[in-house]
Amino acid sequence: MTLGNASWQRLWRELQADPVPNGLYNQLVAAYSEPHRHYHTLQHLRACLAHLDAAASLAQHPAEVELALWFHDAVYDPRCADNEERSAEWAWRSILAAGCGEDVAQRVQGLVLATKGHTAGDDPDARLLLDIDLAILGAAPARFDEYEGQIRAEYAHLGEPQFRTGRARVLSSFLARPRIYLTSAFHDALEHRARENIGRSLEALQG
């Protein structure tokens, strides 16, 4: 799965859209290219779609998970607390405007909203989506360190003490979970390295 227009057309055909919202493609690419973004960019979206490509067999509604990935950071302002809600609303409106069913719109909206607290309940598609979104935590150390720098750049408006406190709180919350990854595939592949990366980052933040 890629960011190309052919993949976009294929995705909406799978969702039985009529018409395919081609203008929306350009709007989303522009959103992920906003200058204040450093991590929540097209790089992140591409990585998410690549993870889904490898794990699509785990999804009950793979096209809906794919579309939710497109929208999960569609609205991103690190100074605001309602990014997920606004992204989910954009997804819901766009799906209905494309002639897809209300059930599809509600499921995708719910998937996007799940990224707010990273809690999935028993929904296997939400579990997969969240594991994909958090796959960066289990990346190779060099990529994880780059990611940490990108997050710091997105929060450049915060002073160093405030950022360190907030970032440590976020990372500690993941470390405190019995499982960071909710699917067996991602847990087996990434859990150990994610915990090592987070532990290393917390040492640096608290040092």
N, C-alpha and C. Protein backbone atom coordinates (compact mmCIF):
# COMPACT_ATOMS: atom_id res chain seq x y z
N MET A 1 0.84 -1.18 0.00
CA MET A 1 0.00 0.00 0.00
C MET A 1 0.88 1.24 0.00
N THR A 2 0.59 2.16 -0.86
CA THR A 2 1.43 3.34 -1.02
C THR A 2 0.57 4.59 -0.95
N LEU A 3 1.24 5.74 -1.13
CA LEU A 3 0.53 7.01 -1.15
C LEU A 3 0.10 7.42 -2.55
N GLY A 4 0.34 6.57 -3.53
CA GLY A 4 0.02 6.93 -4.90
C GLY A 4 -1.47 7.02 -5.16
N ASN A 5 -1.81 7.75 -6.22
CA ASN A 5 -3.22 7.93 -6.56
C ASN A 5 -3.88 6.62 -6.97
N ALA A 6 -3.11 5.70 -7.55
CA ALA A 6 -3.69 4.40 -7.93
C ALA A 6 -4.15 3.64 -6.69
N SER A 7 -3.36 3.68 -5.62
CA SER A 7 -3.75 3.02 -4.38
C SER A 7 -4.98 3.70 -3.78
N TRP A 8 -5.01 5.01 -3.88
CA TRP A 8 -6.16 5.77 -3.38
C TRP A 8 -7.44 5.37 -4.12
N GLN A 9 -7.35 5.27 -5.44
CA GLN A 9 -8.51 4.85 -6.23
C GLN A 9 -8.95 3.44 -5.84
N ARG A 10 -7.98 2.52 -5.72
CA ARG A 10 -8.28 1.15 -5.36
C ARG A 10 -8.97 1.07 -4.00
N LEU A 11 -8.47 1.85 -3.04
CA LEU A 11 -9.04 1.84 -1.70
C LEU A 11 -10.51 2.23 -1.71
N TRP A 12 -10.82 3.30 -2.39
CA TRP A 12 -12.21 3.77 -2.40
C TRP A 12 -13.11 2.86 -3.22
N ARG A 13 -12.57 2.21 -4.24
CA ARG A 13 -13.38 1.21 -4.96
C ARG A 13 -13.73 0.05 -4.04
N GLU A 14 -12.77 -0.37 -3.21
CA GLU A 14 -13.04 -1.44 -2.25
C GLU A 14 -14.13 -1.04 -1.27
N LEU A 15 -14.20 0.24 -0.97
CA LEU A 15 -15.22 0.74 -0.06
C LEU A 15 -16.53 1.05 -0.78
N GLN A 16 -16.55 0.82 -2.09
CA GLN A 16 -17.74 1.02 -2.94
C GLN A 16 -18.17 2.49 -2.96
N ALA A 17 -17.18 3.36 -3.03
CA ALA A 17 -17.46 4.80 -3.09
C ALA A 17 -17.96 5.19 -4.48
N ASP A 18 -18.82 6.16 -4.51
CA ASP A 18 -19.30 6.73 -5.77
C ASP A 18 -19.77 8.16 -5.48
N PRO A 19 -18.94 9.15 -5.86
CA PRO A 19 -17.70 9.05 -6.64
C PRO A 19 -16.47 8.87 -5.75
N VAL A 20 -15.33 8.50 -6.36
CA VAL A 20 -14.07 8.47 -5.64
C VAL A 20 -13.65 9.92 -5.34
N PRO A 21 -13.38 10.25 -4.09
CA PRO A 21 -13.06 11.65 -3.72
C PRO A 21 -11.61 12.00 -4.02
N ASN A 22 -11.31 12.29 -5.27
CA ASN A 22 -9.93 12.56 -5.66
C ASN A 22 -9.38 13.83 -5.04
N GLY A 23 -10.23 14.85 -4.90
CA GLY A 23 -9.77 16.08 -4.27
C GLY A 23 -9.32 15.87 -2.84
N LEU A 24 -9.94 14.92 -2.17
CA LEU A 24 -9.60 14.61 -0.79
C LEU A 24 -8.17 14.10 -0.67
N TYR A 25 -7.72 13.36 -1.66
CA TYR A 25 -6.34 12.85 -1.66
C TYR A 25 -5.36 14.01 -1.53
N ASN A 26 -5.56 15.03 -2.35
CA ASN A 26 -4.65 16.19 -2.31
C ASN A 26 -4.76 16.94 -0.98
N GLN A 27 -5.96 17.01 -0.42
CA GLN A 27 -6.15 17.69 0.85
C GLN A 27 -5.40 16.97 1.97
N LEU A 28 -5.46 15.64 1.98
CA LEU A 28 -4.78 14.88 3.03
C LEU A 28 -3.27 14.94 2.88
N VAL A 29 -2.78 14.83 1.64
CA VAL A 29 -1.35 14.95 1.42
C VAL A 29 -0.86 16.32 1.89
N ALA A 30 -1.64 17.37 1.60
CA ALA A 30 -1.27 18.71 2.05
C ALA A 30 -1.28 18.80 3.58
N ALA A 31 -2.25 18.15 4.21
CA ALA A 31 -2.32 18.18 5.68
C ALA A 31 -1.10 17.54 6.30
N TYR A 32 -0.71 16.37 5.80
CA TYR A 32 0.45 15.68 6.35
C TYR A 32 1.77 16.38 5.99
N SER A 33 1.71 17.37 5.11
CA SER A 33 2.90 18.11 4.69
C SER A 33 3.00 19.48 5.35
N GLU A 34 2.15 19.76 6.32
CA GLU A 34 2.17 21.06 6.99
C GLU A 34 3.54 21.32 7.63
N PRO A 35 4.01 22.55 7.59
CA PRO A 35 5.39 22.82 8.03
C PRO A 35 5.65 22.61 9.51
N HIS A 36 4.61 22.64 10.34
CA HIS A 36 4.86 22.44 11.78
C HIS A 36 5.00 20.96 12.14
N ARG A 37 4.77 20.08 11.19
CA ARG A 37 4.90 18.64 11.45
C ARG A 37 6.34 18.20 11.19
N HIS A 38 6.80 17.31 12.07
CA HIS A 38 8.14 16.73 11.89
C HIS A 38 8.10 15.21 11.97
N TYR A 39 7.21 14.68 12.79
CA TYR A 39 7.01 13.23 12.84
C TYR A 39 5.68 12.83 12.19
N HIS A 40 4.61 13.54 12.48
CA HIS A 40 3.28 13.18 11.97
C HIS A 40 3.13 13.66 10.54
N THR A 41 3.94 13.07 9.68
CA THR A 41 4.12 13.52 8.30
C THR A 41 3.79 12.38 7.34
N LEU A 42 4.04 12.62 6.06
CA LEU A 42 3.88 11.56 5.06
C LEU A 42 4.82 10.39 5.33
N GLN A 43 5.96 10.65 5.95
CA GLN A 43 6.88 9.56 6.32
C GLN A 43 6.17 8.59 7.27
N HIS A 44 5.50 9.13 8.28
CA HIS A 44 4.77 8.29 9.24
C HIS A 44 3.62 7.56 8.55
N LEU A 45 2.89 8.27 7.69
CA LEU A 45 1.77 7.64 7.00
C LEU A 45 2.26 6.50 6.11
N ARG A 46 3.34 6.73 5.39
CA ARG A 46 3.90 5.66 4.55
C ARG A 46 4.29 4.44 5.39
N ALA A 47 4.93 4.68 6.52
CA ALA A 47 5.34 3.58 7.38
C ALA A 47 4.12 2.81 7.88
N CYS A 48 3.07 3.52 8.24
CA CYS A 48 1.85 2.87 8.71
C CYS A 48 1.24 1.99 7.62
N LEU A 49 1.16 2.52 6.42
CA LEU A 49 0.59 1.76 5.32
C LEU A 49 1.43 0.54 4.98
N ALA A 50 2.76 0.66 5.13
CA ALA A 50 3.63 -0.48 4.89
C ALA A 50 3.40 -1.57 5.93
N HIS A 51 3.23 -1.17 7.18
CA HIS A 51 2.94 -2.16 8.24
C HIS A 51 1.60 -2.85 7.97
N LEU A 52 0.61 -2.09 7.52
CA LEU A 52 -0.68 -2.70 7.22
C LEU A 52 -0.56 -3.67 6.05
N ASP A 53 0.23 -3.30 5.07
CA ASP A 53 0.43 -4.18 3.92
C ASP A 53 0.94 -5.54 4.37
N ALA A 54 1.83 -5.54 5.36
CA ALA A 54 2.40 -6.79 5.86
C ALA A 54 1.46 -7.54 6.78
N ALA A 55 0.49 -6.82 7.36
CA ALA A 55 -0.37 -7.43 8.39
C ALA A 55 -1.85 -7.38 8.02
N ALA A 56 -2.15 -7.16 6.75
CA ALA A 56 -3.55 -6.98 6.34
C ALA A 56 -4.42 -8.19 6.65
N SER A 57 -3.82 -9.36 6.70
CA SER A 57 -4.60 -10.57 6.98
C SER A 57 -5.17 -10.56 8.39
N LEU A 58 -4.65 -9.70 9.25
CA LEU A 58 -5.15 -9.62 10.63
C LEU A 58 -6.40 -8.76 10.74
N ALA A 59 -6.72 -8.02 9.68
CA ALA A 59 -7.84 -7.08 9.74
C ALA A 59 -9.15 -7.74 9.32
N GLN A 60 -10.22 -7.39 10.02
CA GLN A 60 -11.55 -7.82 9.59
C GLN A 60 -12.05 -6.98 8.43
N HIS A 61 -11.74 -5.70 8.47
CA HIS A 61 -12.14 -4.77 7.40
C HIS A 61 -10.88 -4.02 6.96
N PRO A 62 -10.01 -4.64 6.17
CA PRO A 62 -8.71 -4.02 5.86
C PRO A 62 -8.82 -2.67 5.17
N ALA A 63 -9.80 -2.48 4.31
CA ALA A 63 -9.92 -1.19 3.63
C ALA A 63 -10.29 -0.10 4.63
N GLU A 64 -11.09 -0.44 5.60
CA GLU A 64 -11.47 0.55 6.62
C GLU A 64 -10.28 0.90 7.51
N VAL A 65 -9.46 -0.09 7.84
CA VAL A 65 -8.25 0.19 8.61
C VAL A 65 -7.31 1.08 7.80
N GLU A 66 -7.19 0.78 6.52
CA GLU A 66 -6.33 1.59 5.66
C GLU A 66 -6.80 3.03 5.61
N LEU A 67 -8.10 3.23 5.45
CA LEU A 67 -8.63 4.59 5.40
C LEU A 67 -8.46 5.29 6.75
N ALA A 68 -8.65 4.55 7.82
CA ALA A 68 -8.46 5.14 9.15
C ALA A 68 -7.01 5.59 9.34
N LEU A 69 -6.07 4.85 8.79
CA LEU A 69 -4.67 5.28 8.86
C LEU A 69 -4.47 6.59 8.11
N TRP A 70 -5.10 6.73 6.97
CA TRP A 70 -5.01 7.98 6.22
C TRP A 70 -5.50 9.16 7.06
N PHE A 71 -6.53 8.92 7.86
CA PHE A 71 -7.16 10.02 8.60
C PHE A 71 -6.66 10.17 10.03
N HIS A 72 -5.90 9.21 10.57
CA HIS A 72 -5.69 9.21 12.02
C HIS A 72 -4.90 10.42 12.51
N ASP A 73 -4.08 11.02 11.66
CA ASP A 73 -3.39 12.26 12.00
C ASP A 73 -3.70 13.36 10.99
N ALA A 74 -4.87 13.28 10.38
CA ALA A 74 -5.21 14.26 9.35
C ALA A 74 -5.23 15.68 9.91
N VAL A 75 -5.72 15.83 11.12
CA VAL A 75 -5.66 17.10 11.84
C VAL A 75 -4.63 16.92 12.94
N TYR A 76 -3.57 17.73 12.92
CA TYR A 76 -2.54 17.59 13.93
C TYR A 76 -1.96 18.96 14.29
N ASP A 77 -2.30 19.40 15.47
CA ASP A 77 -1.75 20.62 16.04
C ASP A 77 -1.32 20.29 17.46
N PRO A 78 0.00 20.24 17.74
CA PRO A 78 0.45 19.82 19.06
C PRO A 78 0.00 20.73 20.20
N ARG A 79 -0.55 21.89 19.87
CA ARG A 79 -1.06 22.79 20.90
C ARG A 79 -2.52 22.49 21.26
N CYS A 80 -3.16 21.60 20.51
CA CYS A 80 -4.60 21.33 20.69
C CYS A 80 -4.83 19.93 21.24
N ALA A 81 -5.97 19.75 21.90
CA ALA A 81 -6.29 18.46 22.52
C ALA A 81 -7.39 17.70 21.78
N ASP A 82 -7.88 18.28 20.68
CA ASP A 82 -9.01 17.64 20.00
C ASP A 82 -8.66 17.19 18.59
N ASN A 83 -7.38 16.89 18.34
CA ASN A 83 -6.96 16.49 17.00
C ASN A 83 -7.68 15.23 16.52
N GLU A 84 -7.77 14.23 17.40
CA GLU A 84 -8.40 12.96 17.00
C GLU A 84 -9.87 13.14 16.70
N GLU A 85 -10.55 13.93 17.52
CA GLU A 85 -11.97 14.17 17.27
C GLU A 85 -12.20 14.88 15.93
N ARG A 86 -11.37 15.85 15.64
CA ARG A 86 -11.51 16.59 14.38
C ARG A 86 -11.14 15.71 13.19
N SER A 87 -10.12 14.88 13.35
CA SER A 87 -9.74 13.96 12.28
C SER A 87 -10.85 12.95 12.03
N ALA A 88 -11.44 12.42 13.10
CA ALA A 88 -12.51 11.44 12.98
C ALA A 88 -13.75 12.05 12.32
N GLU A 89 -14.04 13.29 12.66
CA GLU A 89 -15.18 13.97 12.06
C GLU A 89 -14.95 14.19 10.56
N TRP A 90 -13.74 14.55 10.20
CA TRP A 90 -13.39 14.73 8.79
C TRP A 90 -13.56 13.41 8.05
N ALA A 91 -13.12 12.33 8.64
CA ALA A 91 -13.26 11.02 8.03
C ALA A 91 -14.72 10.67 7.83
N TRP A 92 -15.51 10.85 8.87
CA TRP A 92 -16.94 10.50 8.82
C TRP A 92 -17.65 11.27 7.71
N ARG A 93 -17.42 12.58 7.66
CA ARG A 93 -18.06 13.40 6.62
C ARG A 93 -17.61 12.99 5.23
N SER A 94 -16.33 12.71 5.07
CA SER A 94 -15.79 12.36 3.76
C SER A 94 -16.34 11.03 3.26
N ILE A 95 -16.48 10.07 4.14
CA ILE A 95 -16.97 8.74 3.75
C ILE A 95 -18.42 8.83 3.33
N LEU A 96 -19.22 9.57 4.05
CA LEU A 96 -20.62 9.73 3.66
C LEU A 96 -20.75 10.50 2.35
N ALA A 97 -19.90 11.52 2.17
CA ALA A 97 -19.94 12.30 0.94
C ALA A 97 -19.56 11.47 -0.27
N ALA A 98 -18.77 10.40 -0.04
CA ALA A 98 -18.35 9.52 -1.14
C ALA A 98 -19.38 8.43 -1.42
N GLY A 99 -20.51 8.48 -0.73
CA GLY A 99 -21.58 7.53 -1.01
C GLY A 99 -21.45 6.20 -0.30
N CYS A 100 -20.52 6.10 0.65
CA CYS A 100 -20.36 4.86 1.41
C CYS A 100 -21.40 4.80 2.53
N GLY A 101 -21.58 3.63 3.09
CA GLY A 101 -22.61 3.44 4.09
C GLY A 101 -22.27 4.07 5.43
N GLU A 102 -23.32 4.35 6.19
CA GLU A 102 -23.16 4.90 7.53
C GLU A 102 -22.37 3.95 8.42
N ASP A 103 -22.52 2.64 8.21
CA ASP A 103 -21.79 1.68 9.03
C ASP A 103 -20.28 1.80 8.80
N VAL A 104 -19.88 2.01 7.54
CA VAL A 104 -18.46 2.20 7.24
C VAL A 104 -17.96 3.48 7.89
N ALA A 105 -18.74 4.55 7.76
CA ALA A 105 -18.34 5.84 8.32
C ALA A 105 -18.16 5.74 9.83
N GLN A 106 -19.06 5.05 10.49
CA GLN A 106 -18.99 4.94 11.95
C GLN A 106 -17.79 4.10 12.38
N ARG A 107 -17.53 3.02 11.65
CA ARG A 107 -16.39 2.17 12.04
C ARG A 107 -15.07 2.91 11.86
N VAL A 108 -14.90 3.60 10.74
CA VAL A 108 -13.66 4.34 10.52
C VAL A 108 -13.53 5.47 11.53
N GLN A 109 -14.63 6.15 11.80
CA GLN A 109 -14.61 7.21 12.81
C GLN A 109 -14.16 6.64 14.16
N GLY A 110 -14.67 5.48 14.53
CA GLY A 110 -14.29 4.85 15.79
C GLY A 110 -12.83 4.45 15.83
N LEU A 111 -12.31 3.98 14.69
CA LEU A 111 -10.89 3.61 14.63
C LEU A 111 -10.00 4.83 14.85
N VAL A 112 -10.34 5.93 14.21
CA VAL A 112 -9.54 7.15 14.38
C VAL A 112 -9.61 7.63 15.83
N LEU A 113 -10.79 7.59 16.43
CA LEU A 113 -10.94 8.03 17.81
C LEU A 113 -10.15 7.15 18.77
N ALA A 114 -9.96 5.88 18.43
CA ALA A 114 -9.22 4.97 19.31
C ALA A 114 -7.78 5.41 19.50
N THR A 115 -7.25 6.21 18.56
CA THR A 115 -5.85 6.65 18.68
C THR A 115 -5.68 7.74 19.74
N LYS A 116 -6.76 8.27 20.27
CA LYS A 116 -6.63 9.34 21.27
C LYS A 116 -6.03 8.81 22.56
N GLY A 117 -6.59 7.75 23.10
CA GLY A 117 -6.04 7.19 24.33
C GLY A 117 -5.30 5.90 24.11
N HIS A 118 -5.22 5.48 22.85
CA HIS A 118 -4.60 4.21 22.47
C HIS A 118 -5.17 3.06 23.29
N THR A 119 -6.51 3.01 23.32
CA THR A 119 -7.22 1.88 23.91
C THR A 119 -8.18 1.33 22.87
N ALA A 120 -8.20 -0.01 22.74
CA ALA A 120 -8.91 -0.62 21.63
C ALA A 120 -10.08 -1.49 22.03
N GLY A 121 -10.20 -1.85 23.30
CA GLY A 121 -11.24 -2.78 23.68
C GLY A 121 -11.03 -4.12 23.00
N ASP A 122 -12.13 -4.72 22.55
CA ASP A 122 -12.07 -6.04 21.93
C ASP A 122 -12.10 -5.99 20.40
N ASP A 123 -12.06 -4.80 19.83
CA ASP A 123 -12.16 -4.65 18.37
C ASP A 123 -10.81 -5.02 17.73
N PRO A 124 -10.76 -6.12 16.96
CA PRO A 124 -9.48 -6.52 16.38
C PRO A 124 -8.92 -5.50 15.40
N ASP A 125 -9.78 -4.78 14.69
CA ASP A 125 -9.27 -3.77 13.77
C ASP A 125 -8.65 -2.60 14.52
N ALA A 126 -9.26 -2.22 15.63
CA ALA A 126 -8.68 -1.14 16.44
C ALA A 126 -7.36 -1.58 17.05
N ARG A 127 -7.27 -2.82 17.48
CA ARG A 127 -6.02 -3.33 18.04
C ARG A 127 -4.91 -3.29 17.00
N LEU A 128 -5.23 -3.70 15.79
CA LEU A 128 -4.24 -3.67 14.72
C LEU A 128 -3.83 -2.25 14.40
N LEU A 129 -4.80 -1.37 14.28
CA LEU A 129 -4.51 0.04 13.97
C LEU A 129 -3.58 0.65 15.00
N LEU A 130 -3.85 0.41 16.28
CA LEU A 130 -3.03 1.01 17.32
C LEU A 130 -1.63 0.42 17.33
N ASP A 131 -1.51 -0.88 17.08
CA ASP A 131 -0.19 -1.49 16.99
C ASP A 131 0.62 -0.88 15.85
N ILE A 132 -0.05 -0.66 14.73
CA ILE A 132 0.63 -0.03 13.58
C ILE A 132 1.08 1.39 13.95
N ASP A 133 0.21 2.14 14.59
CA ASP A 133 0.53 3.52 14.95
C ASP A 133 1.70 3.59 15.92
N LEU A 134 1.81 2.58 16.80
CA LEU A 134 2.87 2.58 17.81
C LEU A 134 4.10 1.77 17.40
N ALA A 135 4.11 1.28 16.17
CA ALA A 135 5.24 0.45 15.73
C ALA A 135 6.56 1.20 15.84
N ILE A 136 6.53 2.52 15.74
CA ILE A 136 7.75 3.32 15.84
C ILE A 136 8.46 3.10 17.17
N LEU A 137 7.72 2.78 18.22
CA LEU A 137 8.34 2.56 19.53
C LEU A 137 9.29 1.37 19.50
N GLY A 138 9.01 0.41 18.62
CA GLY A 138 9.85 -0.77 18.50
C GLY A 138 10.79 -0.73 17.32
N ALA A 139 11.00 0.46 16.78
CA ALA A 139 11.90 0.61 15.63
C ALA A 139 13.35 0.39 16.05
N ALA A 140 14.22 0.22 15.07
CA ALA A 140 15.66 0.14 15.34
C ALA A 140 16.09 1.39 16.12
N PRO A 141 17.05 1.25 17.02
CA PRO A 141 17.42 2.38 17.89
C PRO A 141 17.69 3.69 17.15
N ALA A 142 18.37 3.63 16.02
CA ALA A 142 18.67 4.87 15.30
C ALA A 142 17.40 5.55 14.82
N ARG A 143 16.45 4.77 14.32
CA ARG A 143 15.18 5.36 13.86
C ARG A 143 14.37 5.87 15.05
N PHE A 144 14.38 5.14 16.15
CA PHE A 144 13.66 5.59 17.34
C PHE A 144 14.23 6.92 17.82
N ASP A 145 15.55 7.05 17.83
CA ASP A 145 16.17 8.30 18.27
C ASP A 145 15.79 9.46 17.34
N GLU A 146 15.74 9.16 16.04
CA GLU A 146 15.31 10.19 15.08
C GLU A 146 13.87 10.61 15.37
N TYR A 147 13.02 9.63 15.65
CA TYR A 147 11.62 9.89 16.00
C TYR A 147 11.52 10.78 17.23
N GLU A 148 12.31 10.50 18.25
CA GLU A 148 12.29 11.31 19.46
C GLU A 148 12.66 12.76 19.14
N GLY A 149 13.65 12.94 18.26
CA GLY A 149 14.01 14.28 17.85
C GLY A 149 12.89 14.97 17.08
N GLN A 150 12.19 14.21 16.27
CA GLN A 150 11.07 14.78 15.51
C GLN A 150 9.94 15.21 16.44
N ILE A 151 9.66 14.41 17.46
CA ILE A 151 8.62 14.78 18.43
C ILE A 151 9.04 16.06 19.16
N ARG A 152 10.30 16.14 19.55
CA ARG A 152 10.76 17.36 20.24
C ARG A 152 10.57 18.58 19.35
N ALA A 153 10.83 18.43 18.05
CA ALA A 153 10.67 19.56 17.13
C ALA A 153 9.21 19.99 17.03
N GLU A 154 8.30 19.03 17.10
CA GLU A 154 6.87 19.38 17.03
C GLU A 154 6.42 20.12 18.28
N TYR A 155 7.13 19.92 19.37
CA TYR A 155 6.78 20.59 20.62
C TYR A 155 7.80 21.68 20.96
N ALA A 156 8.30 22.32 19.94
CA ALA A 156 9.30 23.37 20.13
C ALA A 156 8.74 24.55 20.93
N HIS A 157 7.42 24.66 20.98
CA HIS A 157 6.81 25.76 21.74
C HIS A 157 6.91 25.54 23.25
N LEU A 158 7.28 24.33 23.67
CA LEU A 158 7.42 24.04 25.09
C LEU A 158 8.87 24.20 25.53
N GLY A 159 9.07 24.74 26.71
CA GLY A 159 10.40 24.79 27.29
C GLY A 159 10.89 23.39 27.63
N GLU A 160 12.19 23.26 27.80
CA GLU A 160 12.77 21.94 28.03
C GLU A 160 12.22 21.24 29.27
N PRO A 161 12.12 21.89 30.44
CA PRO A 161 11.57 21.18 31.60
C PRO A 161 10.14 20.69 31.39
N GLN A 162 9.31 21.54 30.79
CA GLN A 162 7.92 21.17 30.56
C GLN A 162 7.83 20.01 29.57
N PHE A 163 8.65 20.07 28.52
CA PHE A 163 8.62 18.98 27.54
C PHE A 163 9.09 17.68 28.17
N ARG A 164 10.18 17.72 28.90
CA ARG A 164 10.72 16.50 29.50
C ARG A 164 9.71 15.85 30.44
N THR A 165 9.02 16.66 31.22
CA THR A 165 8.02 16.12 32.15
C THR A 165 6.87 15.47 31.40
N GLY A 166 6.36 16.16 30.39
CA GLY A 166 5.23 15.63 29.63
C GLY A 166 5.60 14.40 28.83
N ARG A 167 6.76 14.43 28.21
CA ARG A 167 7.19 13.29 27.40
C ARG A 167 7.46 12.06 28.27
N ALA A 168 8.07 12.28 29.42
CA ALA A 168 8.32 11.17 30.33
C ALA A 168 7.00 10.56 30.80
N ARG A 169 6.00 11.39 31.01
CA ARG A 169 4.69 10.88 31.45
C ARG A 169 4.08 9.98 30.37
N VAL A 170 4.16 10.42 29.12
CA VAL A 170 3.60 9.64 28.01
C VAL A 170 4.33 8.30 27.87
N LEU A 171 5.65 8.36 27.84
CA LEU A 171 6.41 7.12 27.64
C LEU A 171 6.26 6.18 28.82
N SER A 172 6.21 6.71 30.03
CA SER A 172 6.03 5.86 31.21
C SER A 172 4.69 5.15 31.19
N SER A 173 3.68 5.82 30.64
CA SER A 173 2.36 5.19 30.58
C SER A 173 2.37 3.97 29.68
N PHE A 174 3.15 4.02 28.60
CA PHE A 174 3.27 2.85 27.73
C PHE A 174 4.06 1.74 28.42
N LEU A 175 5.11 2.12 29.10
CA LEU A 175 5.94 1.13 29.78
C LEU A 175 5.18 0.43 30.90
N ALA A 176 4.22 1.11 31.49
CA ALA A 176 3.45 0.54 32.60
C ALA A 176 2.39 -0.45 32.14
N ARG A 177 2.12 -0.50 30.87
CA ARG A 177 1.10 -1.42 30.37
C ARG A 177 1.60 -2.86 30.41
N PRO A 178 0.71 -3.81 30.65
CA PRO A 178 1.13 -5.22 30.56
C PRO A 178 1.66 -5.56 29.18
N ARG A 179 1.04 -4.98 28.16
CA ARG A 179 1.47 -5.15 26.77
C ARG A 179 1.36 -3.81 26.07
N ILE A 180 2.43 -3.42 25.39
CA ILE A 180 2.35 -2.24 24.54
C ILE A 180 1.58 -2.59 23.27
N TYR A 181 1.87 -3.77 22.73
CA TYR A 181 1.25 -4.21 21.48
C TYR A 181 0.16 -5.24 21.77
N LEU A 182 -0.96 -5.07 21.13
CA LEU A 182 -2.15 -5.84 21.45
C LEU A 182 -2.34 -7.07 20.58
N THR A 183 -1.73 -7.08 19.40
CA THR A 183 -1.79 -8.26 18.54
C THR A 183 -0.55 -9.11 18.78
N SER A 184 -0.71 -10.40 18.62
CA SER A 184 0.43 -11.30 18.85
C SER A 184 1.58 -11.00 17.89
N ALA A 185 1.23 -10.69 16.63
CA ALA A 185 2.27 -10.46 15.63
C ALA A 185 3.16 -9.28 16.00
N PHE A 186 2.57 -8.16 16.38
CA PHE A 186 3.36 -6.99 16.73
C PHE A 186 4.04 -7.17 18.09
N HIS A 187 3.35 -7.81 19.02
CA HIS A 187 3.94 -8.06 20.33
C HIS A 187 5.20 -8.90 20.20
N ASP A 188 5.11 -9.97 19.43
CA ASP A 188 6.28 -10.86 19.28
C ASP A 188 7.44 -10.16 18.58
N ALA A 189 7.11 -9.31 17.62
CA ALA A 189 8.15 -8.68 16.81
C ALA A 189 8.77 -7.45 17.47
N LEU A 190 7.99 -6.68 18.23
CA LEU A 190 8.43 -5.34 18.62
C LEU A 190 8.44 -5.05 20.11
N GLU A 191 7.75 -5.85 20.91
CA GLU A 191 7.57 -5.50 22.33
C GLU A 191 8.90 -5.31 23.05
N HIS A 192 9.81 -6.26 22.92
CA HIS A 192 11.06 -6.19 23.66
C HIS A 192 11.87 -4.94 23.29
N ARG A 193 12.00 -4.69 22.00
CA ARG A 193 12.79 -3.53 21.57
C ARG A 193 12.09 -2.23 21.95
N ALA A 194 10.75 -2.21 21.91
CA ALA A 194 10.03 -1.00 22.31
C ALA A 194 10.33 -0.66 23.76
N ARG A 195 10.32 -1.66 24.62
CA ARG A 195 10.59 -1.41 26.03
C ARG A 195 12.03 -0.96 26.24
N GLU A 196 12.94 -1.50 25.48
CA GLU A 196 14.33 -1.04 25.57
C GLU A 196 14.46 0.41 25.10
N ASN A 197 13.83 0.73 23.99
CA ASN A 197 13.88 2.11 23.47
C ASN A 197 13.28 3.10 24.46
N ILE A 198 12.11 2.75 25.00
CA ILE A 198 11.45 3.66 25.93
C ILE A 198 12.29 3.84 27.20
N GLY A 199 12.84 2.74 27.70
CA GLY A 199 13.68 2.84 28.89
C GLY A 199 14.88 3.73 28.67
N ARG A 200 15.49 3.63 27.50
CA ARG A 200 16.64 4.47 27.15
C ARG A 200 16.23 5.94 27.05
N SER A 201 15.06 6.17 26.47
CA SER A 201 14.58 7.55 26.33
C SER A 201 14.26 8.15 27.69
N LEU A 202 13.65 7.37 28.57
CA LEU A 202 13.32 7.87 29.90
C LEU A 202 14.58 8.22 30.70
N GLU A 203 15.62 7.44 30.54
CA GLU A 203 16.89 7.75 31.21
C GLU A 203 17.43 9.10 30.74
N ALA A 204 17.34 9.33 29.43
CA ALA A 204 17.82 10.60 28.88
C ALA A 204 16.95 11.78 29.34
N LEU A 205 15.63 11.57 29.39
CA LEU A 205 14.72 12.64 29.79
C LEU A 205 14.88 13.00 31.26
N GLN A 206 15.19 12.01 32.06
CA GLN A 206 15.26 12.24 33.51
C GLN A 206 16.70 12.48 33.98
N GLY A 207 17.63 12.41 33.03
CA GLY A 207 19.02 12.59 33.40
C GLY A 207 19.42 14.04 33.58
